Amino acid sequence: MAEFILPKDYLILLLNKAFRYGRKVLRIKEPFYGLDLFTVDEKMRISKIVSGHEFREERDKVVHGLGRLDWEAPEWFDFKDCFLSSAALRPREWDDFVEQIRHIRARMTGPSRPRKPVYIGIDTNVAYSRIFSRHFPYVGHEEINPDCLELVVSELVRKEVDRRIGYRYKPDEVETLSSRARAHGLVRRLGRTNKLSTRKAKLAQNEIDFLTKDLGALEVSGRDLAKDKERVDRDIAASYADFQESHSAEVILVTFDQNMVDHAKNARLSTAVMRFPVNKALGAIDNPWSLHCLIHDLAVTFGVVQMSPLDIHVWGEWQGKQTEDYELERVKIDIGESIPFLDKFTKQAERCGKIIDAMSVD
C-alpha cells in the first residue's frame, strides 16, 4: 500500500488517472454503513446519490443500542452538509444573497455612497457552510471577489466553534464503533483521532481564519460564551449591534437560523437569510469544480471514503494528523500496489509538489 499526504486538490489528479486507465465510473463509499454515497463518471458528473431513506435505514441498523456513541455515527444532515460546504449545492436563497452583495457593492462604490459603511457579519452556521471560501469564486459568469467586502466576525462565533474542538476517541470507543461498522477494519484505524464534532469544527475554523486572515475581516469582542444556545445567539447578535453603534456602521448578519433572524431584528441589525438545500436538490448538482472539496469534506466527516471498486482510500482523519494538515486541507491517500497508474501518479504528485514549493518560495 502506497501512502500520500497531499492537499485536497490532488484528488482531481487521482480521479483523472483512474478514468484514464479504463474506469468509466467510480463509486464513493463510506465505512460505517457500507453505503455507496454516489457515483462519479469520467466527465466528473455526480449521480446515483444515496437517498435519505436508505441512509437513515442503514444508520439505524448500526447505531441501534450504541448509546452515547450514537453522535459519532454521521447522520443524513452531516452527509448533505458536505454538499453545501463544498459548493456542490447552493443555499436556497443563494441568488438573492448574491444580488444583495452586488447591491451593497454598488452602494459603496457609486457616486452617492452612504455615510455609514456596510459590514457583513456571520453567524456560526455560516462558518460551517463555508459560504465565503468555497462558494464565492464560482458565482456564475461574473466572479464576485469577497475581498472587496467589509467583513466582521464576532469573537463569540470563534469561541462557539472552538468549544467543539478537542475531543478525541478513547480506545474503547473506537473498538465499540468499529465493531458495529460495516468496514470495521477501516474504522478501527481511526485510533485516538478527533471525534466527529471536532473534525467538523476544524473545517469551520478554516472558514473563520479565511475571513480574518485572507479577507481582513475585523473581529468583534463579545461576552463570555454561555452554555445555552439561544443565549449564545442573542449575545452574537448583541456583539454585532455593539460594533454597529461604536463604528456608526450598518451590519448585515448572514445566517441560516430563523431564530437568529429574530435576535438580529431585536438588536436592530439587518439580515441576509439563507436556507439549507432541500433533499431533491441532490439530483441537480452542476458544479464539477466542487468535487475535490466534496470528497475532502466527506472524508473528514466519515473519517475515510473509498473509491470503489479500486483499492483507493481517502482519509480525512488519521493518527498523526497535524493542525497544519487541517489548515491546508490535506488528505491521506492510500493506493493499493496493484493499481496500474500508481507509479505515474507518484511521479506527477512529486512534480506538482515541486512546482507548488517553487511558487511558494517566489
Protein backbone atom coordinates (compact mmCIF):
# COMPACT_ATOMS: atom_id res chain seq x y z
CA MET A 1 0.00 0.00 0.00
CA ALA A 2 1.42 3.37 -1.07
CA GLU A 3 0.59 6.35 1.16
CA PHE A 4 0.45 10.03 0.24
CA ILE A 5 -0.46 13.06 2.35
CA LEU A 6 -1.48 15.76 -0.11
CA PRO A 7 -3.72 18.85 -0.42
CA LYS A 8 -7.28 18.05 -1.49
CA ASP A 9 -6.67 19.48 -5.00
CA TYR A 10 -4.66 16.35 -5.82
CA LEU A 11 -7.89 14.36 -5.71
CA ILE A 12 -8.68 15.69 -9.18
CA LEU A 13 -5.34 14.31 -10.41
CA LEU A 14 -6.19 10.97 -8.78
CA LEU A 15 -9.62 10.81 -10.40
CA ASN A 16 -8.21 11.71 -13.81
CA LYS A 17 -5.67 8.89 -13.51
CA ALA A 18 -8.39 6.40 -12.57
CA PHE A 19 -10.58 7.34 -15.52
CA ARG A 20 -7.65 7.46 -17.95
CA TYR A 21 -6.78 3.88 -17.03
CA GLY A 22 -10.09 2.38 -18.03
CA ARG A 23 -12.52 3.18 -15.24
CA LYS A 24 -15.71 4.78 -16.55
CA VAL A 25 -17.44 5.14 -13.19
CA LEU A 26 -16.24 5.22 -9.58
CA ARG A 27 -18.38 4.73 -6.51
CA ILE A 28 -17.64 6.82 -3.43
CA LYS A 29 -18.27 4.55 -0.47
CA GLU A 30 -18.28 5.18 3.31
CA PRO A 31 -17.18 2.74 6.06
CA PHE A 32 -19.87 2.95 8.74
CA TYR A 33 -22.94 1.70 6.88
CA GLY A 34 -21.30 0.24 3.78
CA LEU A 35 -23.22 2.63 1.54
CA ASP A 36 -22.32 3.81 -1.92
CA LEU A 37 -22.79 7.53 -1.38
CA PHE A 38 -22.76 8.43 -5.08
CA THR A 39 -21.04 7.67 -8.36
CA VAL A 40 -18.64 9.84 -10.37
CA ASP A 41 -18.16 9.37 -14.10
CA GLU A 42 -15.24 10.30 -16.35
CA LYS A 43 -16.75 13.74 -17.00
CA MET A 44 -16.73 14.39 -13.23
CA ARG A 45 -20.52 14.19 -13.08
CA ILE A 46 -22.13 13.06 -9.84
CA SER A 47 -25.12 10.73 -9.97
CA LYS A 48 -26.92 7.94 -8.09
CA ILE A 49 -26.73 9.77 -4.78
CA VAL A 50 -27.91 7.66 -1.85
CA SER A 51 -31.42 8.58 -0.69
CA GLY A 52 -32.18 9.94 2.74
CA HIS A 53 -34.42 6.94 3.41
CA GLU A 54 -31.71 4.39 2.59
CA PHE A 55 -29.09 6.32 4.54
CA ARG A 56 -31.24 6.57 7.68
CA GLU A 57 -32.34 2.95 7.41
CA GLU A 58 -28.77 1.63 7.30
CA ARG A 59 -27.64 4.05 10.00
CA ASP A 60 -30.41 2.86 12.33
CA LYS A 61 -29.15 -0.72 11.99
CA VAL A 62 -25.63 0.27 13.00
CA VAL A 63 -26.40 2.69 15.84
CA HIS A 64 -29.19 0.69 17.50
CA GLY A 65 -28.12 0.31 21.12
CA LEU A 66 -24.94 2.33 20.58
CA GLY A 67 -25.83 4.78 23.36
CA ARG A 68 -23.75 7.95 23.71
CA LEU A 69 -21.59 6.99 20.72
CA ASP A 70 -24.63 7.48 18.51
CA TRP A 71 -23.30 11.01 17.93
CA GLU A 72 -20.17 9.62 16.28
CA ALA A 73 -22.08 7.88 13.51
CA PRO A 74 -22.62 10.54 10.79
CA GLU A 75 -26.23 11.41 10.15
CA TRP A 76 -28.05 12.27 6.95
CA PHE A 77 -27.67 16.00 7.57
CA ASP A 78 -23.89 15.53 8.03
CA PHE A 79 -23.76 13.91 4.61
CA LYS A 80 -25.94 16.57 2.99
CA ASP A 81 -24.00 19.40 4.67
CA CYS A 82 -20.88 18.26 2.78
CA PHE A 83 -22.63 19.14 -0.48
CA LEU A 84 -23.29 22.63 0.85
CA SER A 85 -19.85 23.25 2.38
CA SER A 86 -18.12 22.05 -0.80
CA ALA A 87 -20.31 24.31 -3.01
CA ALA A 88 -21.67 21.28 -4.87
CA LEU A 89 -25.05 22.70 -3.81
CA ARG A 90 -26.05 26.30 -3.19
CA PRO A 91 -28.22 27.58 -0.35
CA ARG A 92 -31.82 28.01 -1.42
CA GLU A 93 -31.56 31.81 -1.30
CA TRP A 94 -28.15 31.96 -2.94
CA ASP A 95 -29.25 34.09 -5.91
CA ASP A 96 -30.95 36.57 -3.58
CA PHE A 97 -27.82 36.74 -1.42
CA VAL A 98 -25.57 37.35 -4.42
CA GLU A 99 -27.90 40.10 -5.61
CA GLN A 100 -27.81 41.64 -2.14
CA ILE A 101 -23.99 41.58 -2.24
CA ARG A 102 -24.00 43.23 -5.66
CA HIS A 103 -26.34 45.91 -4.34
CA ILE A 104 -24.05 46.57 -1.37
CA ARG A 105 -21.03 46.89 -3.66
CA ALA A 106 -22.91 49.28 -5.92
CA ARG A 107 -23.93 51.39 -2.95
CA MET A 108 -20.39 51.58 -1.57
CA THR A 109 -18.68 52.38 -4.89
CA GLY A 110 -21.35 54.54 -6.53
CA PRO A 111 -21.46 58.36 -6.67
CA SER A 112 -23.96 58.58 -3.80
CA ARG A 113 -22.07 56.49 -1.27
CA PRO A 114 -23.86 56.18 2.08
CA ARG A 115 -22.30 57.89 5.07
CA LYS A 116 -22.42 54.65 7.05
CA PRO A 117 -20.09 51.84 5.96
CA VAL A 118 -21.77 48.47 5.47
CA TYR A 119 -20.27 45.35 7.05
CA ILE A 120 -21.17 41.70 6.52
CA GLY A 121 -21.22 39.67 9.76
CA ILE A 122 -21.58 35.90 10.03
CA ASP A 123 -23.46 33.51 12.26
CA THR A 124 -21.72 30.30 13.36
CA ASN A 125 -23.64 28.15 10.87
CA VAL A 126 -22.24 30.26 8.03
CA ALA A 127 -18.71 29.30 9.11
CA TYR A 128 -19.68 25.62 8.93
CA SER A 129 -21.22 26.12 5.48
CA ARG A 130 -18.02 27.69 4.06
CA ILE A 131 -20.01 30.36 2.22
CA PHE A 132 -17.13 32.78 1.62
CA SER A 133 -14.18 30.48 0.95
CA ARG A 134 -15.95 27.86 -1.14
CA HIS A 135 -18.95 29.48 -2.87
CA PHE A 136 -17.83 32.92 -3.97
CA PRO A 137 -15.15 32.00 -6.52
CA TYR A 138 -17.78 30.23 -8.65
CA VAL A 139 -20.65 32.71 -8.95
CA GLY A 140 -21.99 32.25 -12.47
CA HIS A 141 -20.10 34.03 -15.24
CA GLU A 142 -19.35 37.10 -13.15
CA GLU A 143 -16.85 36.47 -10.41
CA ILE A 144 -17.61 38.22 -7.15
CA ASN A 145 -14.46 38.56 -5.15
CA PRO A 146 -15.28 38.58 -1.42
CA ASP A 147 -12.15 40.55 -0.59
CA CYS A 148 -13.89 43.68 -1.84
CA LEU A 149 -16.39 43.40 1.01
CA GLU A 150 -16.15 44.83 4.50
CA LEU A 151 -16.46 41.87 6.85
CA VAL A 152 -16.74 41.43 10.59
CA VAL A 153 -16.62 38.30 12.76
CA SER A 154 -17.88 38.11 16.32
CA GLU A 155 -15.45 36.65 18.82
CA LEU A 156 -18.37 34.54 20.06
CA VAL A 157 -18.58 32.78 16.69
CA ARG A 158 -14.93 31.82 17.04
CA LYS A 159 -15.49 30.74 20.65
CA GLU A 160 -18.54 28.66 19.74
CA VAL A 161 -16.54 26.79 17.11
CA ASP A 162 -13.55 26.46 19.44
CA ARG A 163 -15.74 24.93 22.14
CA ARG A 164 -16.31 21.92 19.90
CA ILE A 165 -12.61 21.34 19.23
CA GLY A 166 -10.51 19.00 21.35
CA TYR A 167 -12.46 15.77 21.73
CA ARG A 168 -10.63 12.55 20.82
CA TYR A 169 -11.71 8.94 20.74
CA LYS A 170 -10.78 6.69 23.61
CA PRO A 171 -9.56 3.18 22.72
CA ASP A 172 -12.76 1.53 23.97
CA GLU A 173 -14.88 3.97 21.94
CA VAL A 174 -13.02 3.14 18.74
CA GLU A 175 -13.40 -0.55 19.47
CA THR A 176 -17.14 -0.17 20.01
CA LEU A 177 -17.62 1.91 16.86
CA SER A 178 -15.51 -0.40 14.72
CA SER A 179 -17.34 -3.48 15.98
CA ARG A 180 -20.63 -2.03 14.73
CA ALA A 181 -19.38 -0.52 11.47
CA ARG A 182 -19.67 -2.40 8.18
CA ALA A 183 -15.99 -1.80 7.37
CA HIS A 184 -14.80 -2.35 10.93
CA GLY A 185 -11.12 -2.59 9.94
CA LEU A 186 -11.16 0.92 8.48
CA VAL A 187 -12.95 2.48 11.45
CA ARG A 188 -10.57 0.76 13.87
CA ARG A 189 -7.67 2.53 12.15
CA LEU A 190 -9.01 5.88 13.36
CA GLY A 191 -7.47 5.13 16.76
CA ARG A 192 -7.12 8.11 19.10
CA THR A 193 -8.14 10.65 16.49
CA ASN A 194 -10.55 13.57 16.61
CA LYS A 195 -14.24 12.96 17.15
CA LEU A 196 -16.81 13.97 14.55
CA SER A 197 -17.76 17.28 16.20
CA THR A 198 -14.09 18.27 16.43
CA ARG A 199 -13.39 17.36 12.80
CA LYS A 200 -16.30 19.46 11.58
CA ALA A 201 -15.36 22.36 13.85
CA LYS A 202 -11.81 22.39 12.49
CA LEU A 203 -13.20 22.95 9.00
CA ALA A 204 -15.39 25.78 10.32
CA GLN A 205 -12.25 27.20 11.94
CA ASN A 206 -10.68 27.28 8.47
CA GLU A 207 -13.53 29.49 7.30
CA ILE A 208 -13.08 31.92 10.19
CA ASP A 209 -9.34 32.08 9.51
CA PHE A 210 -10.05 32.68 5.83
CA LEU A 211 -12.29 35.62 6.73
CA THR A 212 -9.91 37.19 9.24
CA LYS A 213 -6.50 36.39 7.74
CA ASP A 214 -7.17 36.29 4.00
CA LEU A 215 -10.03 38.77 3.71
CA GLY A 216 -9.09 41.04 6.59
CA ALA A 217 -12.37 40.76 8.48
CA LEU A 218 -12.46 42.72 11.71
CA GLU A 219 -13.00 40.74 14.90
CA VAL A 220 -15.54 41.97 17.43
CA SER A 221 -15.10 41.15 21.08
CA GLY A 222 -18.02 39.58 22.90
CA ARG A 223 -19.10 38.34 26.27
CA ASP A 224 -18.24 35.02 27.88
CA LEU A 225 -19.70 32.13 25.93
CA ALA A 226 -22.97 30.96 27.51
CA LYS A 227 -23.98 27.30 27.68
CA ASP A 228 -27.49 27.93 26.37
CA LYS A 229 -27.68 28.01 22.55
CA GLU A 230 -30.30 30.76 22.36
CA ARG A 231 -28.32 32.87 24.80
CA VAL A 232 -25.25 32.47 22.61
CA ASP A 233 -27.25 33.58 19.56
CA ARG A 234 -28.56 36.65 21.37
CA ASP A 235 -25.04 37.51 22.52
CA ILE A 236 -23.66 37.12 18.98
CA ALA A 237 -26.32 39.49 17.67
CA ALA A 238 -25.60 41.90 20.54
CA SER A 239 -21.86 41.90 19.74
CA TYR A 240 -22.58 42.92 16.15
CA ALA A 241 -25.02 45.56 17.40
CA ASP A 242 -22.32 46.99 19.68
CA PHE A 243 -19.93 47.12 16.71
CA GLN A 244 -22.61 48.77 14.58
CA GLU A 245 -23.14 51.50 17.14
CA SER A 246 -19.50 52.11 18.04
CA HIS A 247 -18.44 52.35 14.37
CA SER A 248 -21.52 54.26 13.14
CA ALA A 249 -21.96 51.45 10.62
CA GLU A 250 -24.58 49.07 9.29
CA VAL A 251 -24.06 45.36 9.92
CA ILE A 252 -25.87 42.76 7.84
CA LEU A 253 -25.88 39.44 9.65
CA VAL A 254 -25.78 36.35 7.42
CA THR A 255 -27.45 33.30 8.95
CA PHE A 256 -29.24 30.03 8.23
CA ASP A 257 -31.12 30.17 11.55
CA GLN A 258 -34.65 31.60 11.63
CA ASN A 259 -34.41 32.22 15.38
CA MET A 260 -31.26 34.24 14.81
CA VAL A 261 -33.24 36.43 12.42
CA ASP A 262 -35.47 37.47 15.32
CA HIS A 263 -32.48 38.05 17.61
CA ALA A 264 -30.89 40.19 14.88
CA LYS A 265 -34.04 42.24 14.40
CA ASN A 266 -34.31 42.85 18.13
CA ALA A 267 -30.69 44.04 18.05
CA ARG A 268 -31.54 46.42 15.18
CA LEU A 269 -29.46 44.51 12.64
CA SER A 270 -30.23 43.83 9.00
CA THR A 271 -30.11 40.19 7.89
CA ALA A 272 -29.34 38.04 4.89
CA VAL A 273 -31.18 34.76 5.44
CA MET A 274 -30.41 31.51 3.66
CA ARG A 275 -31.81 28.01 3.96
CA PHE A 276 -30.19 24.63 3.51
CA PRO A 277 -30.85 22.85 0.19
CA VAL A 278 -33.82 20.51 0.06
CA ASN A 279 -33.17 16.79 -0.40
CA LYS A 280 -34.38 16.77 -4.00
CA ALA A 281 -31.67 19.32 -4.87
CA LEU A 282 -29.15 16.46 -4.60
CA GLY A 283 -30.39 15.32 -8.00
CA ALA A 284 -29.44 18.59 -9.68
CA ILE A 285 -25.74 19.10 -9.00
CA ASP A 286 -23.98 21.03 -11.74
CA ASN A 287 -20.66 22.14 -10.25
CA PRO A 288 -17.91 19.61 -11.11
CA TRP A 289 -15.28 22.03 -9.76
CA SER A 290 -16.52 21.28 -6.26
CA LEU A 291 -15.82 17.54 -6.48
CA HIS A 292 -12.41 17.58 -4.76
CA CYS A 293 -13.85 19.71 -1.93
CA LEU A 294 -16.80 17.34 -1.62
CA ILE A 295 -14.63 14.23 -1.36
CA HIS A 296 -12.38 16.01 1.16
CA ASP A 297 -15.33 17.06 3.34
CA LEU A 298 -16.87 13.60 3.18
CA ALA A 299 -13.54 12.03 4.14
CA VAL A 300 -13.33 14.34 7.16
CA THR A 301 -16.94 13.62 8.12
CA PHE A 302 -16.74 9.83 7.79
CA GLY A 303 -13.05 9.55 8.63
CA VAL A 304 -12.37 7.82 5.32
CA VAL A 305 -14.06 7.14 1.99
CA GLN A 306 -13.24 4.55 -0.64
CA MET A 307 -13.08 4.97 -4.40
CA SER A 308 -14.72 1.68 -5.23
CA PRO A 309 -14.04 -0.77 -6.82
CA LEU A 310 -10.41 0.40 -6.79
CA ASP A 311 -8.18 -0.23 -3.81
CA ILE A 312 -8.01 3.50 -3.04
CA HIS A 313 -8.95 5.10 0.28
CA VAL A 314 -9.07 8.81 1.03
CA TRP A 315 -8.61 9.60 4.72
CA GLY A 316 -9.82 12.86 6.19
CA GLU A 317 -8.69 11.84 9.67
CA TRP A 318 -5.72 9.70 10.61
CA GLN A 319 -3.41 9.09 13.53
CA GLY A 320 -0.74 11.75 13.49
CA LYS A 321 -2.77 14.34 11.55
CA GLN A 322 -1.49 17.78 12.48
CA THR A 323 -3.17 21.18 12.79
CA GLU A 324 -1.33 22.22 9.62
CA ASP A 325 -2.94 19.31 7.76
CA TYR A 326 -6.34 20.71 8.67
CA GLU A 327 -5.33 24.27 7.81
CA LEU A 328 -4.04 23.21 4.37
CA GLU A 329 -6.92 20.73 3.95
CA ARG A 330 -4.73 17.75 3.27
CA VAL A 331 -5.94 14.18 2.85
CA LYS A 332 -4.10 10.91 3.25
CA ILE A 333 -4.47 8.77 0.15
CA ASP A 334 -3.81 5.02 0.34
CA ILE A 335 -3.36 3.34 -3.05
CA GLY A 336 -3.01 -0.41 -3.46
CA GLU A 337 0.22 -1.64 -5.01
CA SER A 338 -1.76 -3.37 -7.79
CA ILE A 339 -3.23 -0.11 -9.12
CA PRO A 340 -1.76 0.25 -12.66
CA PHE A 341 -1.28 4.03 -12.52
CA LEU A 342 0.43 4.10 -9.11
CA ASP A 343 3.91 4.90 -10.49
CA LYS A 344 2.66 7.67 -12.78
CA PHE A 345 0.53 9.20 -10.02
CA THR A 346 3.54 9.16 -7.71
CA LYS A 347 5.74 10.93 -10.25
CA GLN A 348 3.07 13.51 -11.11
CA ALA A 349 2.33 14.20 -7.46
CA GLU A 350 6.03 14.76 -6.80
CA ARG A 351 6.33 17.04 -9.84
CA CYS A 352 3.28 19.08 -8.80
CA GLY A 353 4.65 19.34 -5.28
CA LYS A 354 7.95 20.78 -6.54
CA ILE A 355 6.09 23.36 -8.64
CA ILE A 356 3.94 24.39 -5.67
CA ASP A 357 7.03 24.64 -3.43
CA ALA A 358 8.79 26.81 -6.01
CA MET A 359 5.76 29.09 -6.33
CA SER A 360 5.52 29.47 -2.56
CA VAL A 361 9.20 30.50 -2.37
CA ASP A 362 8.69 33.16 -5.05
